[in-house]
């Protein structure tokens, strides 16, 4: 695929994701979203999967799950209200989808987030990462990781490995999909090399689907941190993914959320 063509397709796909975000509860179909992208349904389905690495249905599911989980924690709505407001036909359908991705019920997730007590504090060393600045809605972050992997993996030796992580800066307004390779890899083009300053971090281990990370992180910063005795620092907030999402079932995914403190 030519670079100019790929960039055009990425812009179209970004518009589709933004369209889903505006109304997660809408009945999004391949046909309706293809019209947003100004593509035929056949070409849209193929290009969407090629660009994002997942189906349209998977994206809609992630967005609905993230929205419903956030409503559960921040608005005081019931499970039924959060379910219907995010496109699920019933609380039971929402609970099944939630359990499949989180390994627990919506109510258990809500209780676990509200019941966080003390968390460990570590001294994180300075890290050098290869990264890609994410453009577009946060719901499309997995698409940036797919691009980063596709660029990195061919450059690794047969026994090479890497750790995936992400970080936010500028008070959470900018996200970077990042990788720490086991061997030196030179940056190039849109793929940059950044040094992340070390220091003290509070660590929370999140288990379950990546779609729930933003909700858990927001809860930690806005609800837990103000009562913890710690003060948020200006260094980046980091997410370190501890297992391979391509080989690990969603409920078993482990992510360390690192919040900088002073």
C-alpha atoms as a PDB file:
ATOM      1  CA  UNK A   1       0.000   0.000   0.000  1.00  0.00           C
ATOM      2  CA  UNK A   2       1.416   3.394  -0.977  1.00  0.00           C
ATOM      3  CA  UNK A   3       2.149   5.725   1.938  1.00  0.00           C
ATOM      4  CA  UNK A   4      -0.212   8.454   0.668  1.00  0.00           C
ATOM      5  CA  UNK A   5      -2.979   5.888   0.195  1.00  0.00           C
ATOM      6  CA  UNK A   6      -2.380   4.454   3.669  1.00  0.00           C
ATOM      7  CA  UNK A   7      -2.516   7.925   5.235  1.00  0.00           C
ATOM      8  CA  UNK A   8      -5.813   8.598   3.474  1.00  0.00           C
ATOM      9  CA  UNK A   9      -7.255   5.312   4.707  1.00  0.00           C
ATOM     10  CA  UNK A  10      -6.067   6.029   8.252  1.00  0.00           C
ATOM     11  CA  UNK A  11      -7.853   9.390   8.216  1.00  0.00           C
ATOM     12  CA  UNK A  12     -11.031   7.680   7.051  1.00  0.00           C
ATOM     13  CA  UNK A  13     -10.781   4.993   9.716  1.00  0.00           C
ATOM     14  CA  UNK A  14     -10.136   7.648  12.401  1.00  0.00           C
ATOM     15  CA  UNK A  15     -13.389   9.355  11.371  1.00  0.00           C
ATOM     16  CA  UNK A  16     -15.188   6.036  11.746  1.00  0.00           C
ATOM     17  CA  UNK A  17     -13.859   5.510  15.281  1.00  0.00           C
ATOM     18  CA  UNK A  18     -14.799   9.080  16.225  1.00  0.00           C
ATOM     19  CA  UNK A  19     -18.284   8.438  14.827  1.00  0.00           C
ATOM     20  CA  UNK A  20     -18.661   5.363  17.049  1.00  0.00           C
ATOM     21  CA  UNK A  21     -17.435   7.322  20.074  1.00  0.00           C
ATOM     22  CA  UNK A  22     -20.075  10.007  19.554  1.00  0.00           C
ATOM     23  CA  UNK A  23     -22.869   7.462  19.985  1.00  0.00           C
ATOM     24  CA  UNK A  24     -21.710   4.027  21.187  1.00  0.00           C
ATOM     25  CA  UNK A  25     -25.299   2.892  21.673  1.00  0.00           C
ATOM     26  CA  UNK A  26     -26.197   3.346  18.009  1.00  0.00           C
ATOM     27  CA  UNK A  27     -26.642   0.235  15.863  1.00  0.00           C
ATOM     28  CA  UNK A  28     -23.316   0.483  14.039  1.00  0.00           C
ATOM     29  CA  UNK A  29     -23.129  -1.795  10.992  1.00  0.00           C
ATOM     30  CA  UNK A  30     -20.476  -2.356   8.360  1.00  0.00           C
ATOM     31  CA  UNK A  31     -22.775  -0.633   5.864  1.00  0.00           C
ATOM     32  CA  UNK A  32     -23.417   2.466   7.989  1.00  0.00           C
ATOM     33  CA  UNK A  33     -19.757   2.875   8.955  1.00  0.00           C
ATOM     34  CA  UNK A  34     -18.603   2.278   5.381  1.00  0.00           C
ATOM     35  CA  UNK A  35     -20.725   5.279   4.416  1.00  0.00           C
ATOM     36  CA  UNK A  36     -18.891   7.389   7.028  1.00  0.00           C
ATOM     37  CA  UNK A  37     -15.575   6.322   5.457  1.00  0.00           C
ATOM     38  CA  UNK A  38     -16.915   6.908   1.916  1.00  0.00           C
ATOM     39  CA  UNK A  39     -16.022   3.347   0.944  1.00  0.00           C
ATOM     40  CA  UNK A  40     -18.021   0.392  -0.287  1.00  0.00           C
ATOM     41  CA  UNK A  41     -18.878  -2.107   2.485  1.00  0.00           C
ATOM     42  CA  UNK A  42     -16.611  -4.726   0.889  1.00  0.00           C
ATOM     43  CA  UNK A  43     -13.567  -2.453   0.702  1.00  0.00           C
ATOM     44  CA  UNK A  44     -14.294  -0.884   4.079  1.00  0.00           C
ATOM     45  CA  UNK A  45     -14.393  -4.254   5.851  1.00  0.00           C
ATOM     46  CA  UNK A  46     -11.076  -5.311   4.293  1.00  0.00           C
ATOM     47  CA  UNK A  47      -9.298  -1.972   4.814  1.00  0.00           C
ATOM     48  CA  UNK A  48     -10.565  -1.560   8.375  1.00  0.00           C
ATOM     49  CA  UNK A  49      -9.132  -4.900   9.434  1.00  0.00           C
ATOM     50  CA  UNK A  50      -5.883  -4.276   7.548  1.00  0.00           C
ATOM     51  CA  UNK A  51      -5.388  -0.861   9.167  1.00  0.00           C
ATOM     52  CA  UNK A  52      -6.569  -1.686  12.691  1.00  0.00           C
ATOM     53  CA  UNK A  53      -5.844  -5.384  13.069  1.00  0.00           C
ATOM     54  CA  UNK A  54      -9.381  -6.048  14.332  1.00  0.00           C
ATOM     55  CA  UNK A  55     -12.974  -6.145  13.123  1.00  0.00           C
ATOM     56  CA  UNK A  56     -15.430  -3.272  13.349  1.00  0.00           C
ATOM     57  CA  UNK A  57     -17.438  -5.322  15.834  1.00  0.00           C
ATOM     58  CA  UNK A  58     -14.388  -5.638  18.119  1.00  0.00           C
ATOM     59  CA  UNK A  59     -13.858  -1.868  18.090  1.00  0.00           C
ATOM     60  CA  UNK A  60     -17.514  -1.200  18.899  1.00  0.00           C
ATOM     61  CA  UNK A  61     -17.322  -3.711  21.746  1.00  0.00           C
ATOM     62  CA  UNK A  62     -14.222  -2.056  23.226  1.00  0.00           C
ATOM     63  CA  UNK A  63     -15.743   1.416  23.061  1.00  0.00           C
ATOM     64  CA  UNK A  64     -19.023   0.306  24.622  1.00  0.00           C
ATOM     65  CA  UNK A  65     -17.226  -1.571  27.396  1.00  0.00           C
ATOM     66  CA  UNK A  66     -14.977   1.391  28.203  1.00  0.00           C
ATOM     67  CA  UNK A  67     -17.900   3.820  28.271  1.00  0.00           C
ATOM     68  CA  UNK A  68     -20.054   1.605  30.467  1.00  0.00           C
ATOM     69  CA  UNK A  69     -17.238   0.921  32.952  1.00  0.00           C
ATOM     70  CA  UNK A  70     -16.511   4.640  33.272  1.00  0.00           C
ATOM     71  CA  UNK A  71     -20.184   5.406  33.898  1.00  0.00           C
ATOM     72  CA  UNK A  72     -20.320   2.764  36.626  1.00  0.00           C
ATOM     73  CA  UNK A  73     -17.520   4.451  38.557  1.00  0.00           C
ATOM     74  CA  UNK A  74     -18.165   8.120  37.891  1.00  0.00           C
ATOM     75  CA  UNK A  75     -21.905   8.673  37.644  1.00  0.00           C
ATOM     76  CA  UNK A  76     -23.343   6.318  40.213  1.00  0.00           C
ATOM     77  CA  UNK A  77     -25.542   4.712  37.568  1.00  0.00           C
ATOM     78  CA  UNK A  78     -26.726   1.152  37.987  1.00  0.00           C
ATOM     79  CA  UNK A  79     -25.420  -1.696  35.865  1.00  0.00           C
ATOM     80  CA  UNK A  80     -28.709  -1.639  33.922  1.00  0.00           C
ATOM     81  CA  UNK A  81     -28.421   2.100  33.178  1.00  0.00           C
ATOM     82  CA  UNK A  82     -24.788   1.803  32.084  1.00  0.00           C
ATOM     83  CA  UNK A  83     -25.633  -1.158  29.875  1.00  0.00           C
ATOM     84  CA  UNK A  84     -28.557   0.424  28.038  1.00  0.00           C
ATOM     85  CA  UNK A  85     -26.754   3.760  27.699  1.00  0.00           C
ATOM     86  CA  UNK A  86     -23.870   2.095  25.863  1.00  0.00           C
ATOM     87  CA  UNK A  87     -25.744  -0.040  23.374  1.00  0.00           C
ATOM     88  CA  UNK A  88     -26.321  -3.316  25.209  1.00  0.00           C
ATOM     89  CA  UNK A  89     -29.799  -4.813  24.840  1.00  0.00           C
ATOM     90  CA  UNK A  90     -29.962  -5.843  28.485  1.00  0.00           C
ATOM     91  CA  UNK A  91     -27.925  -5.825  31.709  1.00  0.00           C
ATOM     92  CA  UNK A  92     -27.398  -9.562  31.184  1.00  0.00           C
ATOM     93  CA  UNK A  93     -25.847  -9.022  27.744  1.00  0.00           C
ATOM     94  CA  UNK A  94     -23.572  -6.337  29.209  1.00  0.00           C
ATOM     95  CA  UNK A  95     -22.577  -8.582  32.120  1.00  0.00           C
ATOM     96  CA  UNK A  96     -21.683 -11.446  29.758  1.00  0.00           C
ATOM     97  CA  UNK A  97     -19.571  -9.171  27.537  1.00  0.00           C
ATOM     98  CA  UNK A  98     -17.915  -7.585  30.562  1.00  0.00           C
ATOM     99  CA  UNK A  99     -17.062 -10.907  32.182  1.00  0.00           C
ATOM    100  CA  UNK A 100     -15.644 -12.254  28.910  1.00  0.00           C
ATOM    101  CA  UNK A 101     -13.163  -9.375  28.736  1.00  0.00           C
ATOM    102  CA  UNK A 102     -12.553  -8.577  32.399  1.00  0.00           C
ATOM    103  CA  UNK A 103     -12.914 -11.971  34.036  1.00  0.00           C
ATOM    104  CA  UNK A 104     -15.348 -10.497  36.597  1.00  0.00           C
ATOM    105  CA  UNK A 105     -18.811  -9.015  36.773  1.00  0.00           C
ATOM    106  CA  UNK A 106     -19.396  -5.247  36.348  1.00  0.00           C
ATOM    107  CA  UNK A 107     -20.334  -5.026  40.018  1.00  0.00           C
ATOM    108  CA  UNK A 108     -17.131  -6.780  41.100  1.00  0.00           C
ATOM    109  CA  UNK A 109     -15.057  -4.406  38.963  1.00  0.00           C
ATOM    110  CA  UNK A 110     -16.848  -1.430  40.487  1.00  0.00           C
ATOM    111  CA  UNK A 111     -16.247  -2.725  44.025  1.00  0.00           C
ATOM    112  CA  UNK A 112     -12.577  -3.497  43.323  1.00  0.00           C
ATOM    113  CA  UNK A 113     -11.907  -0.007  41.969  1.00  0.00           C
ATOM    114  CA  UNK A 114     -13.669   1.668  44.866  1.00  0.00           C
ATOM    115  CA  UNK A 115     -11.902  -0.536  47.404  1.00  0.00           C
ATOM    116  CA  UNK A 116      -8.268   0.194  46.493  1.00  0.00           C
ATOM    117  CA  UNK A 117      -6.251   0.754  49.686  1.00  0.00           C
ATOM    118  CA  UNK A 118      -2.481   1.227  49.832  1.00  0.00           C
ATOM    119  CA  UNK A 119      -0.334   0.677  46.748  1.00  0.00           C
ATOM    120  CA  UNK A 120       3.417  -0.014  46.465  1.00  0.00           C
ATOM    121  CA  UNK A 121       5.865   2.776  45.595  1.00  0.00           C
ATOM    122  CA  UNK A 122       8.899   1.973  43.427  1.00  0.00           C
ATOM    123  CA  UNK A 123      11.964   3.782  42.104  1.00  0.00           C
ATOM    124  CA  UNK A 124      11.639   3.442  38.345  1.00  0.00           C
ATOM    125  CA  UNK A 125      14.946   3.763  36.432  1.00  0.00           C
ATOM    126  CA  UNK A 126      15.310   6.009  33.410  1.00  0.00           C
ATOM    127  CA  UNK A 127      14.157   4.207  30.263  1.00  0.00           C
ATOM    128  CA  UNK A 128      14.837   4.678  26.568  1.00  0.00           C
ATOM    129  CA  UNK A 129      11.938   3.670  24.365  1.00  0.00           C
ATOM    130  CA  UNK A 130      11.059   3.569  20.696  1.00  0.00           C
ATOM    131  CA  UNK A 131       7.677   5.165  20.245  1.00  0.00           C
ATOM    132  CA  UNK A 132       4.980   6.337  17.895  1.00  0.00           C
ATOM    133  CA  UNK A 133       2.961   9.427  18.734  1.00  0.00           C
ATOM    134  CA  UNK A 134      -0.676   8.399  18.684  1.00  0.00           C
ATOM    135  CA  UNK A 135      -2.987  10.510  16.537  1.00  0.00           C
ATOM    136  CA  UNK A 136      -6.753  10.279  16.813  1.00  0.00           C
ATOM    137  CA  UNK A 137      -9.147   9.111  19.539  1.00  0.00           C
ATOM    138  CA  UNK A 138      -7.847   7.043  22.462  1.00  0.00           C
ATOM    139  CA  UNK A 139     -10.071   4.168  21.356  1.00  0.00           C
ATOM    140  CA  UNK A 140      -7.764   3.752  18.350  1.00  0.00           C
ATOM    141  CA  UNK A 141      -4.589   3.275  20.438  1.00  0.00           C
ATOM    142  CA  UNK A 142      -4.392  -0.470  19.575  1.00  0.00           C
ATOM    143  CA  UNK A 143      -4.076   0.571  15.946  1.00  0.00           C
ATOM    144  CA  UNK A 144      -0.903   2.549  16.744  1.00  0.00           C
ATOM    145  CA  UNK A 145       0.578  -0.496  18.469  1.00  0.00           C
ATOM    146  CA  UNK A 146      -0.114  -2.593  15.392  1.00  0.00           C
ATOM    147  CA  UNK A 147       1.843  -0.093  13.277  1.00  0.00           C
ATOM    148  CA  UNK A 148       4.695  -0.033  15.798  1.00  0.00           C
ATOM    149  CA  UNK A 149       4.942  -3.838  15.887  1.00  0.00           C
ATOM    150  CA  UNK A 150       4.838  -4.094  12.105  1.00  0.00           C
ATOM    151  CA  UNK A 151       7.759  -1.652  11.903  1.00  0.00           C
ATOM    152  CA  UNK A 152       9.844  -3.173  14.706  1.00  0.00           C
ATOM    153  CA  UNK A 153       9.513  -6.945  14.390  1.00  0.00           C
ATOM    154  CA  UNK A 154      11.244  -7.294  10.976  1.00  0.00           C
ATOM    155  CA  UNK A 155      14.272  -5.499  12.450  1.00  0.00           C
ATOM    156  CA  UNK A 156      14.674  -7.818  15.434  1.00  0.00           C
ATOM    157  CA  UNK A 157      17.004 -10.841  15.335  1.00  0.00           C
ATOM    158  CA  UNK A 158      15.430 -14.285  15.575  1.00  0.00           C
ATOM    159  CA  UNK A 159      16.017 -14.370  19.343  1.00  0.00           C
ATOM    160  CA  UNK A 160      15.053 -10.723  19.887  1.00  0.00           C
ATOM    161  CA  UNK A 161      12.185  -9.641  22.102  1.00  0.00           C
ATOM    162  CA  UNK A 162      10.528  -6.461  23.318  1.00  0.00           C
ATOM    163  CA  UNK A 163       8.294  -5.088  26.051  1.00  0.00           C
ATOM    164  CA  UNK A 164       5.309  -2.988  25.046  1.00  0.00           C
ATOM    165  CA  UNK A 165       4.379   0.055  27.071  1.00  0.00           C
ATOM    166  CA  UNK A 166       2.617   3.350  26.626  1.00  0.00           C
ATOM    167  CA  UNK A 167       2.861   6.715  28.293  1.00  0.00           C
ATOM    168  CA  UNK A 168       0.999   9.986  28.414  1.00  0.00           C
ATOM    169  CA  UNK A 169       2.454  13.467  28.714  1.00  0.00           C
ATOM    170  CA  UNK A 170       1.230  17.056  28.519  1.00  0.00           C
ATOM    171  CA  UNK A 171      -1.216  16.312  31.371  1.00  0.00           C
ATOM    172  CA  UNK A 172      -2.617  13.286  29.582  1.00  0.00           C
ATOM    173  CA  UNK A 173      -3.307  15.084  26.320  1.00  0.00           C
ATOM    174  CA  UNK A 174      -0.733  13.147  24.300  1.00  0.00           C
ATOM    175  CA  UNK A 175      -0.234   9.386  24.182  1.00  0.00           C
ATOM    176  CA  UNK A 176       2.787   7.491  22.846  1.00  0.00           C
ATOM    177  CA  UNK A 177       2.668   3.819  21.903  1.00  0.00           C
ATOM    178  CA  UNK A 178       6.116   2.563  22.938  1.00  0.00           C
ATOM    179  CA  UNK A 179       8.387  -0.456  22.893  1.00  0.00           C
ATOM    180  CA  UNK A 180      11.552  -1.357  24.809  1.00  0.00           C
ATOM    181  CA  UNK A 181      13.531  -3.707  22.499  1.00  0.00           C
ATOM    182  CA  UNK A 182      16.032  -6.242  23.828  1.00  0.00           C
ATOM    183  CA  UNK A 183      18.610  -5.077  21.267  1.00  0.00           C
ATOM    184  CA  UNK A 184      19.448  -1.556  20.016  1.00  0.00           C
ATOM    185  CA  UNK A 185      17.152  -0.412  17.187  1.00  0.00           C
ATOM    186  CA  UNK A 186      17.589   2.954  15.482  1.00  0.00           C
ATOM    187  CA  UNK A 187      14.595   5.278  15.284  1.00  0.00           C
ATOM    188  CA  UNK A 188      13.490   6.593  11.915  1.00  0.00           C
ATOM    189  CA  UNK A 189      10.726   8.545  10.239  1.00  0.00           C
ATOM    190  CA  UNK A 190       7.630   8.784  12.407  1.00  0.00           C
ATOM    191  CA  UNK A 191       9.115   6.306  14.901  1.00  0.00           C
ATOM    192  CA  UNK A 192      11.022   8.220  17.587  1.00  0.00           C
ATOM    193  CA  UNK A 193      13.431   7.445  20.409  1.00  0.00           C
ATOM    194  CA  UNK A 194      12.559   9.038  23.771  1.00  0.00           C
ATOM    195  CA  UNK A 195      14.155   8.941  27.205  1.00  0.00           C
ATOM    196  CA  UNK A 196      11.694   8.674  30.089  1.00  0.00           C
ATOM    197  CA  UNK A 197      12.968  10.152  33.328  1.00  0.00           C
ATOM    198  CA  UNK A 198      13.034   7.793  36.296  1.00  0.00           C
ATOM    199  CA  UNK A 199      11.812   8.486  39.809  1.00  0.00           C
ATOM    200  CA  UNK A 200       9.140   7.492  42.313  1.00  0.00           C
ATOM    201  CA  UNK A 201       5.982   5.863  41.013  1.00  0.00           C
ATOM    202  CA  UNK A 202       2.897   4.346  42.611  1.00  0.00           C
ATOM    203  CA  UNK A 203       2.147   0.999  40.942  1.00  0.00           C
ATOM    204  CA  UNK A 204      -1.259  -0.576  40.375  1.00  0.00           C
ATOM    205  CA  UNK A 205      -1.539  -3.936  38.595  1.00  0.00           C
ATOM    206  CA  UNK A 206      -4.595  -4.037  36.358  1.00  0.00           C
ATOM    207  CA  UNK A 207      -5.897  -7.428  35.247  1.00  0.00           C
ATOM    208  CA  UNK A 208      -8.301  -7.693  32.343  1.00  0.00           C
ATOM    209  CA  UNK A 209      -9.081  -6.113  29.007  1.00  0.00           C
ATOM    210  CA  UNK A 210      -7.123  -3.072  27.867  1.00  0.00           C
ATOM    211  CA  UNK A 211     -10.455  -1.336  27.235  1.00  0.00           C
ATOM    212  CA  UNK A 212     -10.809  -0.935  31.015  1.00  0.00           C
ATOM    213  CA  UNK A 213      -7.373   0.650  31.595  1.00  0.00           C
ATOM    214  CA  UNK A 214      -8.486   4.249  31.014  1.00  0.00           C
ATOM    215  CA  UNK A 215     -11.281   3.845  33.564  1.00  0.00           C
ATOM    216  CA  UNK A 216      -8.956   2.291  36.156  1.00  0.00           C
ATOM    217  CA  UNK A 217      -6.297   4.958  35.612  1.00  0.00           C
ATOM    218  CA  UNK A 218      -8.787   7.806  35.828  1.00  0.00           C
ATOM    219  CA  UNK A 219     -10.149   6.348  39.070  1.00  0.00           C
ATOM    220  CA  UNK A 220      -6.653   6.106  40.550  1.00  0.00           C
ATOM    221  CA  UNK A 221      -5.744   9.703  39.726  1.00  0.00           C
ATOM    222  CA  UNK A 222      -9.038  11.416  40.542  1.00  0.00           C
ATOM    223  CA  UNK A 223     -10.358   9.295  43.418  1.00  0.00           C
ATOM    224  CA  UNK A 224      -7.533   7.355  45.072  1.00  0.00           C
ATOM    225  CA  UNK A 225      -4.521   9.666  44.747  1.00  0.00           C
ATOM    226  CA  UNK A 226      -5.999  12.771  46.473  1.00  0.00           C
ATOM    227  CA  UNK A 227      -6.553  10.709  49.657  1.00  0.00           C
ATOM    228  CA  UNK A 228      -3.298   8.725  49.473  1.00  0.00           C
ATOM    229  CA  UNK A 229      -0.871  11.272  50.914  1.00  0.00           C
ATOM    230  CA  UNK A 230       0.998  11.404  47.591  1.00  0.00           C
ATOM    231  CA  UNK A 231       1.171  14.289  45.116  1.00  0.00           C
ATOM    232  CA  UNK A 232       1.040  13.780  41.353  1.00  0.00           C
ATOM    233  CA  UNK A 233       4.282  14.681  39.552  1.00  0.00           C
ATOM    234  CA  UNK A 234       4.650  16.095  36.035  1.00  0.00           C
ATOM    235  CA  UNK A 235       6.524  13.076  34.657  1.00  0.00           C
ATOM    236  CA  UNK A 236       4.649  10.775  32.256  1.00  0.00           C
ATOM    237  CA  UNK A 237       2.062   8.282  33.456  1.00  0.00           C
ATOM    238  CA  UNK A 238       3.117   4.863  32.151  1.00  0.00           C
ATOM    239  CA  UNK A 239       1.367   1.615  31.235  1.00  0.00           C
ATOM    240  CA  UNK A 240       3.592  -1.464  31.044  1.00  0.00           C
ATOM    241  CA  UNK A 241       1.988  -4.498  29.396  1.00  0.00           C
ATOM    242  CA  UNK A 242       3.250  -7.640  31.106  1.00  0.00           C
ATOM    243  CA  UNK A 243       2.051 -10.306  28.653  1.00  0.00           C
ATOM    244  CA  UNK A 244       1.405 -10.695  24.954  1.00  0.00           C
ATOM    245  CA  UNK A 245      -2.092  -9.561  24.011  1.00  0.00           C
ATOM    246  CA  UNK A 246      -1.937 -11.690  20.851  1.00  0.00           C
ATOM    247  CA  UNK A 247      -1.440 -14.888  22.879  1.00  0.00           C
ATOM    248  CA  UNK A 248      -3.230 -14.087  26.163  1.00  0.00           C
ATOM    249  CA  UNK A 249      -7.013 -14.184  26.775  1.00  0.00           C
ATOM    250  CA  UNK A 250      -8.358 -10.739  27.688  1.00  0.00           C
ATOM    251  CA  UNK A 251      -9.262 -11.618  31.331  1.00  0.00           C
ATOM    252  CA  UNK A 252      -5.651 -12.745  31.949  1.00  0.00           C
ATOM    253  CA  UNK A 253      -3.942  -9.639  30.549  1.00  0.00           C
ATOM    254  CA  UNK A 254      -1.730  -7.874  33.102  1.00  0.00           C
ATOM    255  CA  UNK A 255      -0.840  -4.189  32.911  1.00  0.00           C
ATOM    256  CA  UNK A 256       1.182  -2.223  35.466  1.00  0.00           C
ATOM    257  CA  UNK A 257      -0.075   1.350  35.760  1.00  0.00           C
ATOM    258  CA  UNK A 258       2.680   3.665  36.993  1.00  0.00           C
ATOM    259  CA  UNK A 259       1.666   7.053  38.398  1.00  0.00           C
ATOM    260  CA  UNK A 260       4.527   9.518  39.050  1.00  0.00           C
ATOM    261  CA  UNK A 261       4.602  11.035  42.556  1.00  0.00           C
ATOM    262  CA  UNK A 262       6.766  13.459  44.454  1.00  0.00           C
END
